[in-house]
N, C-alpha and C. Protein backbone atom coordinates (compact mmCIF):
# COMPACT_ATOMS: atom_id res chain seq x y z
N MET A 1 6.43 10.33 -11.34
CA MET A 1 6.01 10.88 -9.95
C MET A 1 6.26 9.83 -8.83
N SER A 2 6.87 10.25 -7.74
CA SER A 2 7.08 9.25 -6.69
C SER A 2 6.04 9.57 -5.72
N LEU A 3 5.45 8.58 -5.29
CA LEU A 3 4.40 8.57 -4.01
C LEU A 3 5.00 9.20 -2.71
N GLU A 4 4.16 9.92 -2.21
CA GLU A 4 4.61 10.39 -0.78
C GLU A 4 3.65 9.84 0.30
N PHE A 5 4.06 8.99 0.90
CA PHE A 5 3.34 8.24 1.97
C PHE A 5 3.38 9.08 3.34
N HIS A 6 2.16 9.00 3.90
CA HIS A 6 1.92 9.57 5.20
C HIS A 6 1.33 8.83 6.16
N ARG A 7 1.43 8.81 7.41
CA ARG A 7 0.77 8.05 8.49
C ARG A 7 -0.76 8.47 8.44
N ALA A 8 -1.61 7.43 8.16
CA ALA A 8 -3.09 7.65 7.91
C ALA A 8 -3.81 7.61 9.21
N VAL A 9 -3.31 6.95 10.20
CA VAL A 9 -3.78 6.63 11.52
C VAL A 9 -2.75 6.73 12.51
N GLU A 10 -2.98 7.58 13.55
CA GLU A 10 -1.91 7.93 14.46
C GLU A 10 -1.46 6.70 15.28
N ASP A 11 -2.33 5.88 15.78
CA ASP A 11 -2.00 4.81 16.66
C ASP A 11 -1.73 3.43 15.90
N MET A 12 -1.93 3.47 14.69
CA MET A 12 -1.78 2.09 13.93
C MET A 12 -0.73 2.28 12.77
N GLU A 13 -0.20 1.31 12.39
CA GLU A 13 0.77 1.33 11.38
C GLU A 13 -0.02 1.04 10.06
N ILE A 14 -0.36 2.47 9.58
CA ILE A 14 -1.14 2.52 8.23
C ILE A 14 -0.64 3.55 7.53
N TRP A 15 -0.08 3.50 6.18
CA TRP A 15 0.21 4.61 5.61
C TRP A 15 -0.41 4.62 4.35
N SER A 16 -0.60 5.96 3.75
CA SER A 16 -1.40 6.12 2.50
C SER A 16 -0.71 7.26 1.60
N ALA A 17 -0.92 7.00 0.37
CA ALA A 17 -0.61 8.00 -0.70
C ALA A 17 -1.58 7.95 -1.71
N THR A 18 -1.64 9.07 -2.54
CA THR A 18 -2.34 8.97 -3.77
C THR A 18 -1.47 9.73 -4.91
N GLY A 19 -1.79 9.27 -6.09
CA GLY A 19 -1.27 9.77 -7.35
C GLY A 19 -1.70 9.18 -8.53
N ASP A 20 -1.92 10.19 -9.51
CA ASP A 20 -2.45 9.96 -10.90
C ASP A 20 -3.78 9.12 -10.78
N GLY A 21 -4.64 9.57 -9.78
CA GLY A 21 -5.88 8.86 -9.89
C GLY A 21 -5.92 7.42 -9.18
N PHE A 22 -4.96 6.97 -8.44
CA PHE A 22 -4.84 5.86 -7.60
C PHE A 22 -4.50 6.14 -6.09
N SER A 23 -5.23 5.18 -5.15
CA SER A 23 -4.88 5.37 -3.96
C SER A 23 -4.05 4.05 -3.59
N PHE A 24 -2.96 4.41 -2.61
CA PHE A 24 -1.97 3.24 -2.39
C PHE A 24 -2.10 3.19 -0.77
N VAL A 25 -2.13 2.11 -0.05
CA VAL A 25 -2.08 1.81 1.35
C VAL A 25 -1.16 0.77 1.62
N ILE A 26 -0.34 1.05 2.82
CA ILE A 26 0.64 0.01 3.21
C ILE A 26 0.04 -0.17 4.60
N THR A 27 -0.01 -1.47 5.16
CA THR A 27 -0.35 -1.76 6.42
C THR A 27 0.72 -2.67 7.09
N TYR A 28 0.89 -2.71 8.25
CA TYR A 28 1.80 -3.84 8.80
C TYR A 28 0.82 -4.82 9.54
N GLU A 29 1.32 -6.01 9.08
CA GLU A 29 0.48 -7.15 9.64
C GLU A 29 1.29 -8.13 10.51
N SER A 30 0.67 -8.78 11.53
CA SER A 30 1.50 -9.74 12.37
C SER A 30 0.39 -10.84 12.59
N PRO A 31 1.04 -12.03 12.91
CA PRO A 31 0.15 -13.07 13.21
C PRO A 31 -0.46 -13.10 14.58
N VAL A 32 0.22 -12.25 15.44
CA VAL A 32 -0.25 -12.10 16.77
C VAL A 32 -0.36 -10.69 17.34
N GLY A 33 -0.98 -10.38 18.34
CA GLY A 33 -1.06 -9.00 18.96
C GLY A 33 -2.17 -8.10 18.23
N ALA A 34 -2.22 -6.91 18.53
CA ALA A 34 -3.03 -5.90 18.11
C ALA A 34 -2.80 -5.62 16.78
N GLY A 35 -3.75 -5.14 16.14
CA GLY A 35 -3.71 -4.58 14.56
C GLY A 35 -4.13 -5.67 13.67
N PHE A 36 -3.62 -5.38 12.42
CA PHE A 36 -3.96 -6.28 11.34
C PHE A 36 -3.11 -7.72 11.40
N HIS A 37 -3.88 -8.82 11.26
CA HIS A 37 -3.40 -10.00 11.34
C HIS A 37 -3.11 -10.71 9.95
N GLY A 38 -2.09 -11.35 9.83
CA GLY A 38 -1.62 -11.95 8.65
C GLY A 38 -0.23 -12.40 8.74
N ARG A 39 0.46 -12.56 7.71
CA ARG A 39 1.89 -13.03 7.74
C ARG A 39 2.56 -11.61 8.17
N ALA A 40 3.59 -11.81 8.95
CA ALA A 40 4.36 -10.60 9.22
C ALA A 40 5.01 -9.88 8.25
N GLY A 41 4.73 -8.46 8.25
CA GLY A 41 5.40 -7.76 7.28
C GLY A 41 4.39 -6.56 6.92
N TYR A 42 4.82 -5.97 5.77
CA TYR A 42 4.06 -4.71 5.19
C TYR A 42 3.40 -5.17 3.97
N VAL A 43 2.13 -4.97 4.08
CA VAL A 43 1.09 -5.35 3.00
C VAL A 43 0.81 -4.15 2.33
N ALA A 44 1.05 -3.92 0.87
CA ALA A 44 0.69 -2.93 0.09
C ALA A 44 -0.56 -3.33 -0.80
N SER A 45 -1.47 -2.33 -0.94
CA SER A 45 -2.55 -2.47 -1.87
C SER A 45 -2.79 -1.09 -2.65
N TRP A 46 -3.51 -1.13 -3.82
CA TRP A 46 -4.01 -0.14 -4.42
C TRP A 46 -5.36 -0.27 -5.14
N ARG A 47 -5.93 0.88 -5.39
CA ARG A 47 -7.30 0.92 -6.07
C ARG A 47 -7.48 2.28 -6.67
N PRO A 48 -8.39 2.47 -7.83
CA PRO A 48 -8.55 3.49 -8.34
C PRO A 48 -9.17 4.44 -7.31
N LEU A 49 -9.03 5.79 -7.27
CA LEU A 49 -9.55 6.75 -6.49
C LEU A 49 -11.07 6.78 -6.56
N TYR A 50 -11.51 6.87 -7.79
CA TYR A 50 -12.97 6.76 -8.08
C TYR A 50 -13.64 5.64 -8.58
N GLY A 51 -14.70 5.19 -8.26
CA GLY A 51 -15.41 4.13 -8.83
C GLY A 51 -15.88 3.13 -7.91
N GLY A 52 -15.48 3.24 -6.64
CA GLY A 52 -16.02 2.20 -5.68
C GLY A 52 -15.41 0.87 -5.69
N ASN A 53 -14.33 0.60 -6.40
CA ASN A 53 -13.63 -0.58 -6.55
C ASN A 53 -12.92 -1.06 -5.27
N GLY A 54 -12.93 -2.36 -4.98
CA GLY A 54 -12.07 -2.71 -3.80
C GLY A 54 -10.71 -2.80 -4.10
N ALA A 55 -9.96 -2.89 -2.96
CA ALA A 55 -8.53 -2.82 -3.10
C ALA A 55 -7.84 -4.09 -3.74
N ILE A 56 -6.78 -3.84 -4.31
CA ILE A 56 -5.92 -5.22 -4.89
C ILE A 56 -4.56 -5.14 -4.29
N LYS A 57 -4.29 -6.36 -3.71
CA LYS A 57 -3.08 -6.45 -3.03
C LYS A 57 -1.85 -6.71 -4.07
N ILE A 58 -0.83 -5.74 -3.64
CA ILE A 58 0.37 -5.93 -4.70
C ILE A 58 1.15 -7.06 -4.34
N GLY A 59 1.55 -7.77 -5.56
CA GLY A 59 2.18 -9.10 -5.47
C GLY A 59 3.59 -8.84 -4.68
N GLY A 60 4.13 -9.83 -3.83
CA GLY A 60 5.21 -9.75 -3.14
C GLY A 60 4.90 -9.36 -1.81
N SER A 61 3.60 -8.94 -1.50
CA SER A 61 3.44 -8.51 0.06
C SER A 61 3.28 -9.87 0.63
N ALA A 62 3.77 -9.97 1.81
CA ALA A 62 4.27 -9.03 2.90
C ALA A 62 5.65 -8.63 2.56
N PHE A 63 6.14 -7.31 2.70
CA PHE A 63 7.43 -7.02 2.51
C PHE A 63 8.12 -6.92 3.76
N LEU A 64 9.29 -7.18 3.78
CA LEU A 64 10.16 -6.99 5.24
C LEU A 64 10.19 -5.52 5.78
N THR A 65 10.26 -4.64 4.88
CA THR A 65 10.42 -3.25 5.39
C THR A 65 9.47 -2.28 4.87
N LEU A 66 9.35 -1.12 5.24
CA LEU A 66 8.30 -0.07 4.74
C LEU A 66 8.80 0.43 3.36
N ALA A 67 10.02 0.58 3.25
CA ALA A 67 10.74 1.03 2.00
C ALA A 67 10.38 0.17 1.06
N GLU A 68 10.50 -1.37 1.24
CA GLU A 68 10.29 -2.20 0.14
C GLU A 68 8.81 -2.03 -0.46
N ALA A 69 7.89 -1.95 0.64
CA ALA A 69 6.50 -1.73 0.22
C ALA A 69 6.26 -0.45 -0.46
N GLU A 70 6.93 0.71 -0.05
CA GLU A 70 6.74 1.92 -0.95
C GLU A 70 7.37 1.73 -2.21
N ASN A 71 8.54 1.13 -2.48
CA ASN A 71 8.97 0.97 -3.76
C ASN A 71 8.16 -0.02 -4.45
N ALA A 72 7.47 -0.92 -4.13
CA ALA A 72 6.44 -1.74 -4.73
C ALA A 72 5.41 -0.90 -5.26
N CYS A 73 4.95 -0.03 -4.40
CA CYS A 73 3.73 0.85 -4.83
C CYS A 73 4.12 1.81 -5.94
N ASN A 74 5.26 2.40 -5.69
CA ASN A 74 5.76 3.39 -6.88
C ASN A 74 5.90 2.39 -8.30
N THR A 75 6.47 1.31 -8.06
CA THR A 75 6.60 0.41 -9.38
C THR A 75 5.11 0.29 -9.94
N MET A 76 4.05 0.01 -9.04
CA MET A 76 2.85 -0.34 -9.55
C MET A 76 2.18 0.68 -10.22
N LEU A 77 2.51 2.07 -9.48
CA LEU A 77 1.93 3.19 -10.13
C LEU A 77 2.59 3.46 -11.59
N GLY A 78 3.74 3.20 -11.77
CA GLY A 78 4.50 3.31 -13.08
C GLY A 78 3.73 2.45 -14.03
N HIS A 79 3.53 1.15 -13.55
CA HIS A 79 2.72 0.18 -14.59
C HIS A 79 1.46 0.87 -14.81
N LEU A 80 0.75 1.03 -13.91
CA LEU A 80 -0.70 1.58 -14.10
C LEU A 80 -0.77 2.72 -14.98
N THR A 81 0.07 3.70 -14.81
CA THR A 81 0.01 4.98 -15.63
C THR A 81 0.73 4.60 -16.98
N GLY A 82 1.58 3.80 -16.95
CA GLY A 82 2.17 3.43 -18.44
C GLY A 82 1.21 2.67 -19.24
N CYS A 83 0.14 2.20 -18.77
CA CYS A 83 -0.80 1.34 -19.52
C CYS A 83 -2.03 2.36 -20.01
N ARG A 84 -1.93 3.68 -19.68
CA ARG A 84 -3.02 4.48 -20.33
C ARG A 84 -2.73 4.92 -21.62
């Protein structure tokens, strides 16, 4: 199953998707300006939908493009669901 990301907040670069009991979020970070601060690029994270656990950053973040971050999330979902 491929995750379908949607813009979670209208005025900010935040995308989210859920699948197979997991939540994925992609944000755009920049060292300066408004929004999330960090290394420039798209940062992806995941967490189980239930249980109140904190998010886990996906290795390789920050990605240069949104498409790369989405691909990393789909790869992580495949890994997580393959472990069941």
